[in-house]
C-alpha cells in the first residue's frame, strides 16, 4: 500500500516570485557576460592595427560597431569595481534588478545620480522606451537649465557693462563741465591780455612819435617791455585755449561714445532677457502645444475640404462645431 504524499499547494504568488528570481539571475548572468565581452573588445581594439577594427568585428566576431561600442561602454561603466552594482544586490538592489538594455541606457545618467534616478522614476517597472524618453527629457531639461544659466550670466555681464559705460559717461560729463569752465576762464584772460597788449603798443607808438626827455626814453623802454610781455602772454593763452578746446572736444566725444555703448549694452541685455524668458519650461511647453494645435487645425481644414466634396452638409456641421469650440475656449 503506497503512502499518500502531500504536495504543497502552489499559488500564483509562489510562481510569480520564482519567475522574478529566475529573471533576476538571468539578468545578472547577461550583465556579467556582456561586461566580459566588453572587456575583451577593449583589449582587442588596442591590439588590432588602425583601420582594421571594423572588418575584424564583422568577419571574426560578427558584431556591428554599434553593438561593440555598447558592450565596451557597458564594461567601462559597470566593469571591475562597478561589477558589484549588478551582481551584488546588497550594494544596489534597484540597479541589479534591471535588464541589460535599461542598464545600458542609464549610462547617460552620471553615476552619482543614477540610483536616485532609478528610484524616483520606478525604472524597474517601466519599459525601455519609457526609460529612454525619461532620460532624454531629463538631459534636455538640464541642457535648457545650463543654457539659461549661461544666458543669465551674459545678461548680467551686459548690465554690468551698461553700468560701467554709464559711469564713464558721467565722468566724461564732469570732465566736460570742468573743461568748459577752464576754456571760459582762459577766454577772459585772453581778452584781458589782448587789451593790455593793445594799450602797451599804443603807449610805445605815442612815445616814439613824441620823444622829448630821457625820462620819457625810460618810459618808452618800459612800455616796449610791457607790450612784449603782453604779446607773449596773449600767445601763451591762445595756445592754452586751443589745447583746452581740443580736450573739451575729446571729452565730449568720449561722453557720446560711452552713452552709445551704454545704450547698446542695455539693448543687448533686454534682448537676452527675452531669450531667457523663452527658456522657461512653461513657455516652451506652451509653444509646443501651440504648434501642435496649429498642425491639428491645418489637418482639420484639409479633412473638412475633402469631406465637403462628398458630404457638404456634414462638412458644414463639423465646421460649425469647430467654430463653436473656438468661441467657447477663446477668452478676450
C-alpha atoms as a PDB file:
ATOM      1  CA  UNK A   1       0.000   0.000   0.000  1.00  0.00           C
ATOM      2  CA  UNK A   2       1.592   3.246  -1.151  1.00  0.00           C
ATOM      3  CA  UNK A   3       1.765   6.182   1.149  1.00  0.00           C
ATOM      4  CA  UNK A   4      -0.073   9.333   0.210  1.00  0.00           C
ATOM      5  CA  UNK A   5       2.463  12.157  -0.335  1.00  0.00           C
ATOM      6  CA  UNK A   6       1.212  15.623   0.425  1.00  0.00           C
ATOM      7  CA  UNK A   7       2.319  18.039  -2.300  1.00  0.00           C
ATOM      8  CA  UNK A   8       2.304  21.660  -1.146  1.00  0.00           C
ATOM      9  CA  UNK A   9      -0.257  23.685  -2.986  1.00  0.00           C
ATOM     10  CA  UNK A  10       1.333  26.193  -5.355  1.00  0.00           C
ATOM     11  CA  UNK A  11      -0.358  29.532  -5.720  1.00  0.00           C
ATOM     12  CA  UNK A  12       0.205  32.419  -8.101  1.00  0.00           C
ATOM     13  CA  UNK A  13       2.397  34.327  -5.629  1.00  0.00           C
ATOM     14  CA  UNK A  14       4.804  31.410  -5.376  1.00  0.00           C
ATOM     15  CA  UNK A  15       5.044  31.064  -9.156  1.00  0.00           C
ATOM     16  CA  UNK A  16       5.426  34.826  -9.603  1.00  0.00           C
ATOM     17  CA  UNK A  17       8.258  35.049  -7.087  1.00  0.00           C
ATOM     18  CA  UNK A  18      10.086  32.135  -8.726  1.00  0.00           C
ATOM     19  CA  UNK A  19       9.790  33.754 -12.142  1.00  0.00           C
ATOM     20  CA  UNK A  20      11.102  37.065 -10.805  1.00  0.00           C
ATOM     21  CA  UNK A  21      14.007  35.299  -9.089  1.00  0.00           C
ATOM     22  CA  UNK A  22      14.954  33.418 -12.252  1.00  0.00           C
ATOM     23  CA  UNK A  23      14.565  36.580 -14.311  1.00  0.00           C
ATOM     24  CA  UNK A  24      16.902  38.370 -11.925  1.00  0.00           C
ATOM     25  CA  UNK A  25      19.505  35.600 -12.181  1.00  0.00           C
ATOM     26  CA  UNK A  26      19.317  35.702 -15.988  1.00  0.00           C
ATOM     27  CA  UNK A  27      19.816  39.470 -15.924  1.00  0.00           C
ATOM     28  CA  UNK A  28      22.817  39.095 -13.643  1.00  0.00           C
ATOM     29  CA  UNK A  29      24.378  36.487 -15.910  1.00  0.00           C
ATOM     30  CA  UNK A  30      23.704  38.537 -19.042  1.00  0.00           C
ATOM     31  CA  UNK A  31      25.271  41.611 -17.457  1.00  0.00           C
ATOM     32  CA  UNK A  32      28.340  39.695 -16.301  1.00  0.00           C
ATOM     33  CA  UNK A  33      28.910  38.112 -19.719  1.00  0.00           C
ATOM     34  CA  UNK A  34      28.423  41.408 -21.538  1.00  0.00           C
ATOM     35  CA  UNK A  35      30.956  43.036 -19.215  1.00  0.00           C
ATOM     36  CA  UNK A  36      33.442  40.278 -20.016  1.00  0.00           C
ATOM     37  CA  UNK A  37      32.799  40.638 -23.761  1.00  0.00           C
ATOM     38  CA  UNK A  38      33.248  44.392 -23.466  1.00  0.00           C
ATOM     39  CA  UNK A  39      36.496  43.920 -21.544  1.00  0.00           C
ATOM     40  CA  UNK A  40      37.937  41.753 -24.316  1.00  0.00           C
ATOM     41  CA  UNK A  41      36.689  44.067 -27.073  1.00  0.00           C
ATOM     42  CA  UNK A  42      38.601  46.911 -25.415  1.00  0.00           C
ATOM     43  CA  UNK A  43      41.659  44.679 -25.291  1.00  0.00           C
ATOM     44  CA  UNK A  44      41.231  43.640 -28.937  1.00  0.00           C
ATOM     45  CA  UNK A  45      40.827  47.211 -30.166  1.00  0.00           C
ATOM     46  CA  UNK A  46      44.162  48.105 -28.578  1.00  0.00           C
ATOM     47  CA  UNK A  47      45.852  45.235 -30.438  1.00  0.00           C
ATOM     48  CA  UNK A  48      44.266  45.455 -33.895  1.00  0.00           C
ATOM     49  CA  UNK A  49      46.057  47.786 -36.375  1.00  0.00           C
ATOM     50  CA  UNK A  50      44.380  51.076 -37.193  1.00  0.00           C
ATOM     51  CA  UNK A  51      41.751  50.792 -39.913  1.00  0.00           C
ATOM     52  CA  UNK A  52      41.111  47.050 -39.432  1.00  0.00           C
ATOM     53  CA  UNK A  53      38.744  47.249 -36.434  1.00  0.00           C
ATOM     54  CA  UNK A  54      35.502  47.307 -38.429  1.00  0.00           C
ATOM     55  CA  UNK A  55      36.489  44.340 -40.632  1.00  0.00           C
ATOM     56  CA  UNK A  56      37.607  42.320 -37.622  1.00  0.00           C
ATOM     57  CA  UNK A  57      34.292  42.934 -35.844  1.00  0.00           C
ATOM     58  CA  UNK A  58      32.282  41.934 -38.890  1.00  0.00           C
ATOM     59  CA  UNK A  59      34.297  38.927 -40.061  1.00  0.00           C
ATOM     60  CA  UNK A  60      35.699  37.420 -36.858  1.00  0.00           C
ATOM     61  CA  UNK A  61      33.188  38.051 -34.064  1.00  0.00           C
ATOM     62  CA  UNK A  62      30.126  39.126 -36.077  1.00  0.00           C
ATOM     63  CA  UNK A  63      29.466  42.335 -34.151  1.00  0.00           C
ATOM     64  CA  UNK A  64      28.299  45.625 -35.559  1.00  0.00           C
ATOM     65  CA  UNK A  65      30.308  48.645 -34.492  1.00  0.00           C
ATOM     66  CA  UNK A  66      27.291  49.914 -32.523  1.00  0.00           C
ATOM     67  CA  UNK A  67      26.973  46.669 -30.544  1.00  0.00           C
ATOM     68  CA  UNK A  68      30.721  46.612 -29.906  1.00  0.00           C
ATOM     69  CA  UNK A  69      30.641  50.203 -28.692  1.00  0.00           C
ATOM     70  CA  UNK A  70      27.671  49.405 -26.422  1.00  0.00           C
ATOM     71  CA  UNK A  71      29.489  46.416 -24.905  1.00  0.00           C
ATOM     72  CA  UNK A  72      32.701  48.386 -24.377  1.00  0.00           C
ATOM     73  CA  UNK A  73      30.791  51.288 -22.802  1.00  0.00           C
ATOM     74  CA  UNK A  74      28.939  48.825 -20.578  1.00  0.00           C
ATOM     75  CA  UNK A  75      32.260  47.324 -19.441  1.00  0.00           C
ATOM     76  CA  UNK A  76      33.811  50.742 -18.804  1.00  0.00           C
ATOM     77  CA  UNK A  77      30.788  51.839 -16.786  1.00  0.00           C
ATOM     78  CA  UNK A  78      29.942  48.665 -14.844  1.00  0.00           C
ATOM     79  CA  UNK A  79      33.076  46.522 -15.113  1.00  0.00           C
ATOM     80  CA  UNK A  80      35.756  45.891 -12.485  1.00  0.00           C
ATOM     81  CA  UNK A  81      34.864  47.727  -9.274  1.00  0.00           C
ATOM     82  CA  UNK A  82      31.417  48.609 -10.672  1.00  0.00           C
ATOM     83  CA  UNK A  83      30.559  44.968 -11.350  1.00  0.00           C
ATOM     84  CA  UNK A  84      29.262  44.572  -7.812  1.00  0.00           C
ATOM     85  CA  UNK A  85      26.462  47.009  -8.582  1.00  0.00           C
ATOM     86  CA  UNK A  86      24.986  44.480 -10.973  1.00  0.00           C
ATOM     87  CA  UNK A  87      25.954  41.233  -9.291  1.00  0.00           C
ATOM     88  CA  UNK A  88      25.546  42.091  -5.624  1.00  0.00           C
ATOM     89  CA  UNK A  89      22.059  43.204  -4.707  1.00  0.00           C
ATOM     90  CA  UNK A  90      23.266  44.330  -1.283  1.00  0.00           C
ATOM     91  CA  UNK A  91      25.017  47.302  -2.910  1.00  0.00           C
ATOM     92  CA  UNK A  92      22.315  48.391  -5.312  1.00  0.00           C
ATOM     93  CA  UNK A  93      19.159  46.339  -5.364  1.00  0.00           C
ATOM     94  CA  UNK A  94      17.484  48.789  -7.764  1.00  0.00           C
ATOM     95  CA  UNK A  95      20.258  48.604 -10.365  1.00  0.00           C
ATOM     96  CA  UNK A  96      20.832  44.884 -10.052  1.00  0.00           C
ATOM     97  CA  UNK A  97      17.192  44.213 -10.974  1.00  0.00           C
ATOM     98  CA  UNK A  98      17.469  45.972 -14.330  1.00  0.00           C
ATOM     99  CA  UNK A  99      17.871  44.409 -17.743  1.00  0.00           C
ATOM    100  CA  UNK A 100      20.962  44.972 -19.873  1.00  0.00           C
ATOM    101  CA  UNK A 101      19.150  47.406 -22.159  1.00  0.00           C
ATOM    102  CA  UNK A 102      17.988  49.539 -19.226  1.00  0.00           C
ATOM    103  CA  UNK A 103      21.398  49.447 -17.558  1.00  0.00           C
ATOM    104  CA  UNK A 104      22.941  50.459 -20.880  1.00  0.00           C
ATOM    105  CA  UNK A 105      20.514  53.353 -21.278  1.00  0.00           C
ATOM    106  CA  UNK A 106      21.323  54.526 -17.735  1.00  0.00           C
ATOM    107  CA  UNK A 107      24.936  55.152 -18.710  1.00  0.00           C
ATOM    108  CA  UNK A 108      23.634  58.548 -19.883  1.00  0.00           C
ATOM    109  CA  UNK A 109      22.953  59.370 -16.203  1.00  0.00           C
ATOM    110  CA  UNK A 110      26.026  60.277 -14.075  1.00  0.00           C
ATOM    111  CA  UNK A 111      26.987  57.507 -11.639  1.00  0.00           C
ATOM    112  CA  UNK A 112      26.417  59.633  -8.574  1.00  0.00           C
ATOM    113  CA  UNK A 113      22.840  60.395  -9.693  1.00  0.00           C
ATOM    114  CA  UNK A 114      21.943  57.040 -11.229  1.00  0.00           C
ATOM    115  CA  UNK A 115      20.499  55.152  -8.274  1.00  0.00           C
ATOM    116  CA  UNK A 116      18.373  58.126  -7.199  1.00  0.00           C
ATOM    117  CA  UNK A 117      17.083  58.452 -10.783  1.00  0.00           C
ATOM    118  CA  UNK A 118      16.145  54.759 -10.794  1.00  0.00           C
ATOM    119  CA  UNK A 119      14.197  55.039  -7.566  1.00  0.00           C
ATOM    120  CA  UNK A 120      12.449  58.313  -8.410  1.00  0.00           C
ATOM    121  CA  UNK A 121      11.248  57.055 -11.804  1.00  0.00           C
ATOM    122  CA  UNK A 122      10.495  53.422 -10.857  1.00  0.00           C
ATOM    123  CA  UNK A 123      12.780  52.323 -13.709  1.00  0.00           C
ATOM    124  CA  UNK A 124      12.359  48.638 -12.884  1.00  0.00           C
ATOM    125  CA  UNK A 125       8.656  48.734 -13.746  1.00  0.00           C
ATOM    126  CA  UNK A 126       8.674  50.840 -16.915  1.00  0.00           C
ATOM    127  CA  UNK A 127       9.563  49.907 -20.484  1.00  0.00           C
ATOM    128  CA  UNK A 128      12.933  50.628 -22.067  1.00  0.00           C
ATOM    129  CA  UNK A 129      11.201  53.062 -24.441  1.00  0.00           C
ATOM    130  CA  UNK A 130       9.723  54.959 -21.497  1.00  0.00           C
ATOM    131  CA  UNK A 131      13.143  54.986 -19.832  1.00  0.00           C
ATOM    132  CA  UNK A 132      14.764  56.394 -22.972  1.00  0.00           C
ATOM    133  CA  UNK A 133      12.110  59.122 -23.047  1.00  0.00           C
ATOM    134  CA  UNK A 134      12.682  59.991 -19.369  1.00  0.00           C
ATOM    135  CA  UNK A 135      16.454  60.186 -19.866  1.00  0.00           C
ATOM    136  CA  UNK A 136      16.016  62.351 -22.959  1.00  0.00           C
ATOM    137  CA  UNK A 137      13.629  64.700 -21.140  1.00  0.00           C
ATOM    138  CA  UNK A 138      15.998  64.899 -18.149  1.00  0.00           C
ATOM    139  CA  UNK A 139      19.026  65.660 -20.292  1.00  0.00           C
ATOM    140  CA  UNK A 140      17.114  68.226 -22.346  1.00  0.00           C
ATOM    141  CA  UNK A 141      15.895  69.911 -19.141  1.00  0.00           C
ATOM    142  CA  UNK A 142      19.453  70.006 -17.786  1.00  0.00           C
ATOM    143  CA  UNK A 143      20.682  71.402 -21.087  1.00  0.00           C
ATOM    144  CA  UNK A 144      18.000  74.102 -21.038  1.00  0.00           C
ATOM    145  CA  UNK A 145      18.887  74.932 -17.438  1.00  0.00           C
ATOM    146  CA  UNK A 146      22.579  75.147 -18.328  1.00  0.00           C
ATOM    147  CA  UNK A 147      21.844  77.340 -21.345  1.00  0.00           C
ATOM    148  CA  UNK A 148      19.565  79.526 -19.223  1.00  0.00           C
ATOM    149  CA  UNK A 149      22.311  79.864 -16.602  1.00  0.00           C
ATOM    150  CA  UNK A 150      24.852  80.853 -19.258  1.00  0.00           C
ATOM    151  CA  UNK A 151      22.357  83.266 -20.783  1.00  0.00           C
ATOM    152  CA  UNK A 152      21.678  84.783 -17.365  1.00  0.00           C
ATOM    153  CA  UNK A 153      25.416  85.268 -16.911  1.00  0.00           C
ATOM    154  CA  UNK A 154      25.624  87.060 -20.271  1.00  0.00           C
ATOM    155  CA  UNK A 155      22.662  89.253 -19.265  1.00  0.00           C
ATOM    156  CA  UNK A 156      24.390  90.194 -16.012  1.00  0.00           C
ATOM    157  CA  UNK A 157      27.613  90.954 -17.899  1.00  0.00           C
ATOM    158  CA  UNK A 158      25.744  93.207 -20.313  1.00  0.00           C
ATOM    159  CA  UNK A 159      24.040  95.005 -17.431  1.00  0.00           C
ATOM    160  CA  UNK A 160      27.397  95.479 -15.710  1.00  0.00           C
ATOM    161  CA  UNK A 161      28.815  96.756 -18.976  1.00  0.00           C
ATOM    162  CA  UNK A 162      25.947  99.246 -19.291  1.00  0.00           C
ATOM    163  CA  UNK A 163      26.574 100.441 -15.738  1.00  0.00           C
ATOM    164  CA  UNK A 164      30.292 100.812 -16.471  1.00  0.00           C
ATOM    165  CA  UNK A 165      29.612 102.937 -19.537  1.00  0.00           C
ATOM    166  CA  UNK A 166      27.099 104.948 -17.541  1.00  0.00           C
ATOM    167  CA  UNK A 167      29.842 105.759 -15.025  1.00  0.00           C
ATOM    168  CA  UNK A 168      32.231 106.626 -17.854  1.00  0.00           C
ATOM    169  CA  UNK A 169      29.617 108.908 -19.396  1.00  0.00           C
ATOM    170  CA  UNK A 170      29.143 110.613 -16.012  1.00  0.00           C
ATOM    171  CA  UNK A 171      32.905 111.096 -15.635  1.00  0.00           C
ATOM    172  CA  UNK A 172      33.130 112.455 -19.173  1.00  0.00           C
ATOM    173  CA  UNK A 173      30.242 114.832 -18.434  1.00  0.00           C
ATOM    174  CA  UNK A 174      32.012 116.096 -15.297  1.00  0.00           C
ATOM    175  CA  UNK A 175      35.256 116.462 -17.230  1.00  0.00           C
ATOM    176  CA  UNK A 176      33.399 118.346 -19.965  1.00  0.00           C
ATOM    177  CA  UNK A 177      31.979 120.715 -17.364  1.00  0.00           C
ATOM    178  CA  UNK A 178      35.408 121.406 -15.859  1.00  0.00           C
ATOM    179  CA  UNK A 179      36.991 121.923 -19.275  1.00  0.00           C
ATOM    180  CA  UNK A 180      34.183 124.273 -20.315  1.00  0.00           C
ATOM    181  CA  UNK A 181      34.826 126.384 -17.226  1.00  0.00           C
ATOM    182  CA  UNK A 182      38.550 126.322 -17.956  1.00  0.00           C
ATOM    183  CA  UNK A 183      38.021 127.432 -21.568  1.00  0.00           C
ATOM    184  CA  UNK A 184      35.750 130.271 -20.426  1.00  0.00           C
ATOM    185  CA  UNK A 185      38.345 131.395 -17.875  1.00  0.00           C
ATOM    186  CA  UNK A 186      41.102 131.301 -20.495  1.00  0.00           C
ATOM    187  CA  UNK A 187      38.972 133.308 -22.904  1.00  0.00           C
ATOM    188  CA  UNK A 188      38.526 136.027 -20.248  1.00  0.00           C
ATOM    189  CA  UNK A 189      42.258 136.092 -19.536  1.00  0.00           C
ATOM    190  CA  UNK A 190      42.996 136.164 -23.251  1.00  0.00           C
ATOM    191  CA  UNK A 191      40.707 139.140 -23.760  1.00  0.00           C
ATOM    192  CA  UNK A 192      42.437 140.996 -20.878  1.00  0.00           C
ATOM    193  CA  UNK A 193      45.886 140.123 -22.230  1.00  0.00           C
ATOM    194  CA  UNK A 194      45.000 141.347 -25.707  1.00  0.00           C
ATOM    195  CA  UNK A 195      43.618 144.568 -24.229  1.00  0.00           C
ATOM    196  CA  UNK A 196      46.843 145.074 -22.225  1.00  0.00           C
ATOM    197  CA  UNK A 197      48.897 144.367 -25.362  1.00  0.00           C
ATOM    198  CA  UNK A 198      46.861 146.893 -27.323  1.00  0.00           C
ATOM    199  CA  UNK A 199      47.350 149.602 -24.657  1.00  0.00           C
ATOM    200  CA  UNK A 200      51.098 148.916 -24.324  1.00  0.00           C
ATOM    201  CA  UNK A 201      51.617 149.105 -28.090  1.00  0.00           C
ATOM    202  CA  UNK A 202      49.663 152.341 -28.239  1.00  0.00           C
ATOM    203  CA  UNK A 203      51.850 153.797 -25.485  1.00  0.00           C
ATOM    204  CA  UNK A 204      55.029 152.777 -27.317  1.00  0.00           C
ATOM    205  CA  UNK A 205      53.751 154.285 -30.526  1.00  0.00           C
ATOM    206  CA  UNK A 206      52.878 157.529 -28.770  1.00  0.00           C
ATOM    207  CA  UNK A 207      56.336 157.831 -27.178  1.00  0.00           C
ATOM    208  CA  UNK A 208      58.073 157.115 -30.486  1.00  0.00           C
ATOM    209  CA  UNK A 209      56.105 159.863 -32.152  1.00  0.00           C
ATOM    210  CA  UNK A 210      56.772 162.357 -29.312  1.00  0.00           C
ATOM    211  CA  UNK A 211      60.336 161.798 -27.952  1.00  0.00           C
ATOM    212  CA  UNK A 212      61.267 164.623 -25.506  1.00  0.00           C
ATOM    213  CA  UNK A 213      63.294 163.857 -22.356  1.00  0.00           C
ATOM    214  CA  UNK A 214      65.451 160.981 -21.151  1.00  0.00           C
ATOM    215  CA  UNK A 215      62.752 160.004 -18.596  1.00  0.00           C
ATOM    216  CA  UNK A 216      60.420 159.500 -21.449  1.00  0.00           C
ATOM    217  CA  UNK A 217      63.021 157.260 -23.066  1.00  0.00           C
ATOM    218  CA  UNK A 218      62.994 155.148 -19.953  1.00  0.00           C
ATOM    219  CA  UNK A 219      59.202 155.046 -20.037  1.00  0.00           C
ATOM    220  CA  UNK A 220      59.402 154.079 -23.704  1.00  0.00           C
ATOM    221  CA  UNK A 221      61.664 151.110 -22.933  1.00  0.00           C
ATOM    222  CA  UNK A 222      59.362 150.094 -20.104  1.00  0.00           C
ATOM    223  CA  UNK A 223      56.312 150.313 -22.352  1.00  0.00           C
ATOM    224  CA  UNK A 224      58.044 148.235 -25.022  1.00  0.00           C
ATOM    225  CA  UNK A 225      58.840 145.562 -22.427  1.00  0.00           C
ATOM    226  CA  UNK A 226      55.243 145.606 -21.243  1.00  0.00           C
ATOM    227  CA  UNK A 227      53.987 145.289 -24.802  1.00  0.00           C
ATOM    228  CA  UNK A 228      56.304 142.386 -25.490  1.00  0.00           C
ATOM    229  CA  UNK A 229      55.234 140.648 -22.257  1.00  0.00           C
ATOM    230  CA  UNK A 230      51.562 141.237 -23.036  1.00  0.00           C
ATOM    231  CA  UNK A 231      52.026 139.852 -26.548  1.00  0.00           C
ATOM    232  CA  UNK A 232      53.800 136.779 -25.186  1.00  0.00           C
ATOM    233  CA  UNK A 233      51.099 136.312 -22.549  1.00  0.00           C
ATOM    234  CA  UNK A 234      48.366 136.554 -25.178  1.00  0.00           C
ATOM    235  CA  UNK A 235      50.132 133.984 -27.359  1.00  0.00           C
ATOM    236  CA  UNK A 236      50.527 131.547 -24.463  1.00  0.00           C
ATOM    237  CA  UNK A 237      46.887 131.973 -23.548  1.00  0.00           C
ATOM    238  CA  UNK A 238      45.842 131.336 -27.143  1.00  0.00           C
ATOM    239  CA  UNK A 239      47.843 128.077 -27.121  1.00  0.00           C
ATOM    240  CA  UNK A 240      46.355 127.025 -23.776  1.00  0.00           C
ATOM    241  CA  UNK A 241      42.908 127.935 -25.019  1.00  0.00           C
ATOM    242  CA  UNK A 242      43.372 125.852 -28.170  1.00  0.00           C
ATOM    243  CA  UNK A 243      44.650 122.897 -26.117  1.00  0.00           C
ATOM    244  CA  UNK A 244      41.724 123.163 -23.694  1.00  0.00           C
ATOM    245  CA  UNK A 245      39.303 123.325 -26.617  1.00  0.00           C
ATOM    246  CA  UNK A 246      40.788 120.099 -28.034  1.00  0.00           C
ATOM    247  CA  UNK A 247      40.487 118.408 -24.636  1.00  0.00           C
ATOM    248  CA  UNK A 248      36.904 119.590 -24.372  1.00  0.00           C
ATOM    249  CA  UNK A 249      36.102 118.172 -27.796  1.00  0.00           C
ATOM    250  CA  UNK A 250      37.726 114.818 -26.857  1.00  0.00           C
ATOM    251  CA  UNK A 251      35.777 114.723 -23.582  1.00  0.00           C
ATOM    252  CA  UNK A 252      32.505 115.396 -25.385  1.00  0.00           C
ATOM    253  CA  UNK A 253      33.255 112.616 -27.899  1.00  0.00           C
ATOM    254  CA  UNK A 254      34.151 110.233 -25.048  1.00  0.00           C
ATOM    255  CA  UNK A 255      30.864 111.042 -23.352  1.00  0.00           C
ATOM    256  CA  UNK A 256      28.901 110.411 -26.561  1.00  0.00           C
ATOM    257  CA  UNK A 257      30.746 107.126 -27.157  1.00  0.00           C
ATOM    258  CA  UNK A 258      30.085 105.980 -23.592  1.00  0.00           C
ATOM    259  CA  UNK A 259      26.392 106.821 -23.877  1.00  0.00           C
ATOM    260  CA  UNK A 260      26.130 104.935 -27.186  1.00  0.00           C
ATOM    261  CA  UNK A 261      27.884 101.875 -25.733  1.00  0.00           C
ATOM    262  CA  UNK A 262      25.672 102.064 -22.659  1.00  0.00           C
ATOM    263  CA  UNK A 263      22.546 102.044 -24.862  1.00  0.00           C
ATOM    264  CA  UNK A 264      23.879  99.117 -26.899  1.00  0.00           C
ATOM    265  CA  UNK A 265      24.594  97.137 -23.729  1.00  0.00           C
ATOM    266  CA  UNK A 266      21.091  97.872 -22.390  1.00  0.00           C
ATOM    267  CA  UNK A 267      19.514  96.730 -25.677  1.00  0.00           C
ATOM    268  CA  UNK A 268      21.618  93.553 -25.701  1.00  0.00           C
ATOM    269  CA  UNK A 269      20.660  92.812 -22.096  1.00  0.00           C
ATOM    270  CA  UNK A 270      16.960  93.320 -22.888  1.00  0.00           C
ATOM    271  CA  UNK A 271      17.203  91.043 -25.922  1.00  0.00           C
ATOM    272  CA  UNK A 272      18.977  88.352 -23.906  1.00  0.00           C
ATOM    273  CA  UNK A 273      16.406  88.616 -21.124  1.00  0.00           C
ATOM    274  CA  UNK A 274      13.679  87.950 -23.697  1.00  0.00           C
ATOM    275  CA  UNK A 275      15.594  84.858 -24.842  1.00  0.00           C
ATOM    276  CA  UNK A 276      15.970  83.806 -21.213  1.00  0.00           C
ATOM    277  CA  UNK A 277      12.204  84.038 -20.683  1.00  0.00           C
ATOM    278  CA  UNK A 278      11.700  81.739 -23.686  1.00  0.00           C
ATOM    279  CA  UNK A 279      13.860  79.117 -21.903  1.00  0.00           C
ATOM    280  CA  UNK A 280      11.152  78.878 -19.220  1.00  0.00           C
ATOM    281  CA  UNK A 281       9.744  75.294 -19.290  1.00  0.00           C
ATOM    282  CA  UNK A 282       6.177  76.626 -19.140  1.00  0.00           C
ATOM    283  CA  UNK A 283       6.836  78.858 -22.155  1.00  0.00           C
ATOM    284  CA  UNK A 284       8.423  76.010 -24.087  1.00  0.00           C
ATOM    285  CA  UNK A 285       5.505  73.701 -23.248  1.00  0.00           C
ATOM    286  CA  UNK A 286       3.032  76.347 -24.445  1.00  0.00           C
ATOM    287  CA  UNK A 287       4.984  76.786 -27.693  1.00  0.00           C
ATOM    288  CA  UNK A 288       4.968  73.022 -28.229  1.00  0.00           C
ATOM    289  CA  UNK A 289       1.210  72.804 -27.635  1.00  0.00           C
ATOM    290  CA  UNK A 290       0.552  75.873 -29.777  1.00  0.00           C
ATOM    291  CA  UNK A 291       2.483  74.381 -32.695  1.00  0.00           C
ATOM    292  CA  UNK A 292       0.648  71.097 -32.190  1.00  0.00           C
ATOM    293  CA  UNK A 293      -2.730  72.898 -32.260  1.00  0.00           C
ATOM    294  CA  UNK A 294      -1.679  74.761 -35.396  1.00  0.00           C
ATOM    295  CA  UNK A 295      -0.892  71.454 -37.070  1.00  0.00           C
ATOM    296  CA  UNK A 296      -4.196  69.963 -35.939  1.00  0.00           C
ATOM    297  CA  UNK A 297      -6.098  72.968 -37.299  1.00  0.00           C
ATOM    298  CA  UNK A 298      -4.440  72.572 -40.701  1.00  0.00           C
ATOM    299  CA  UNK A 299      -5.251  68.845 -40.680  1.00  0.00           C
ATOM    300  CA  UNK A 300      -8.905  69.565 -39.757  1.00  0.00           C
ATOM    301  CA  UNK A 301      -9.191  72.123 -42.558  1.00  0.00           C
ATOM    302  CA  UNK A 302      -7.830  69.606 -45.055  1.00  0.00           C
ATOM    303  CA  UNK A 303     -10.233  66.934 -43.768  1.00  0.00           C
ATOM    304  CA  UNK A 304     -13.196  69.333 -43.970  1.00  0.00           C
ATOM    305  CA  UNK A 305     -12.272  70.284 -47.544  1.00  0.00           C
ATOM    306  CA  UNK A 306     -12.194  66.620 -48.538  1.00  0.00           C
ATOM    307  CA  UNK A 307     -15.472  65.935 -46.739  1.00  0.00           C
ATOM    308  CA  UNK A 308     -17.099  68.926 -48.396  1.00  0.00           C
ATOM    309  CA  UNK A 309     -16.729  67.273 -51.785  1.00  0.00           C
ATOM    310  CA  UNK A 310     -18.518  64.106 -50.670  1.00  0.00           C
ATOM    311  CA  UNK A 311     -20.905  65.364 -47.970  1.00  0.00           C
ATOM    312  CA  UNK A 312     -21.259  69.187 -47.887  1.00  0.00           C
ATOM    313  CA  UNK A 313     -23.980  69.118 -45.236  1.00  0.00           C
ATOM    314  CA  UNK A 314     -21.895  67.101 -42.768  1.00  0.00           C
ATOM    315  CA  UNK A 315     -18.862  69.238 -43.582  1.00  0.00           C
ATOM    316  CA  UNK A 316     -20.819  72.381 -42.655  1.00  0.00           C
ATOM    317  CA  UNK A 317     -21.909  70.806 -39.369  1.00  0.00           C
ATOM    318  CA  UNK A 318     -18.325  69.883 -38.460  1.00  0.00           C
ATOM    319  CA  UNK A 319     -17.131  73.357 -39.435  1.00  0.00           C
ATOM    320  CA  UNK A 320     -19.782  74.939 -37.198  1.00  0.00           C
ATOM    321  CA  UNK A 321     -18.717  72.629 -34.346  1.00  0.00           C
ATOM    322  CA  UNK A 322     -15.103  73.729 -34.719  1.00  0.00           C
ATOM    323  CA  UNK A 323     -16.082  77.402 -34.674  1.00  0.00           C
ATOM    324  CA  UNK A 324     -18.237  76.854 -31.590  1.00  0.00           C
ATOM    325  CA  UNK A 325     -15.311  75.109 -29.891  1.00  0.00           C
ATOM    326  CA  UNK A 326     -13.019  78.066 -30.587  1.00  0.00           C
ATOM    327  CA  UNK A 327     -15.600  80.566 -29.308  1.00  0.00           C
ATOM    328  CA  UNK A 328     -16.028  78.537 -26.152  1.00  0.00           C
ATOM    329  CA  UNK A 329     -12.325  78.451 -25.277  1.00  0.00           C
ATOM    330  CA  UNK A 330     -11.050  81.783 -26.605  1.00  0.00           C
ATOM    331  CA  UNK A 331     -11.095  84.443 -23.898  1.00  0.00           C
ATOM    332  CA  UNK A 332     -10.559  88.087 -24.549  1.00  0.00           C
END
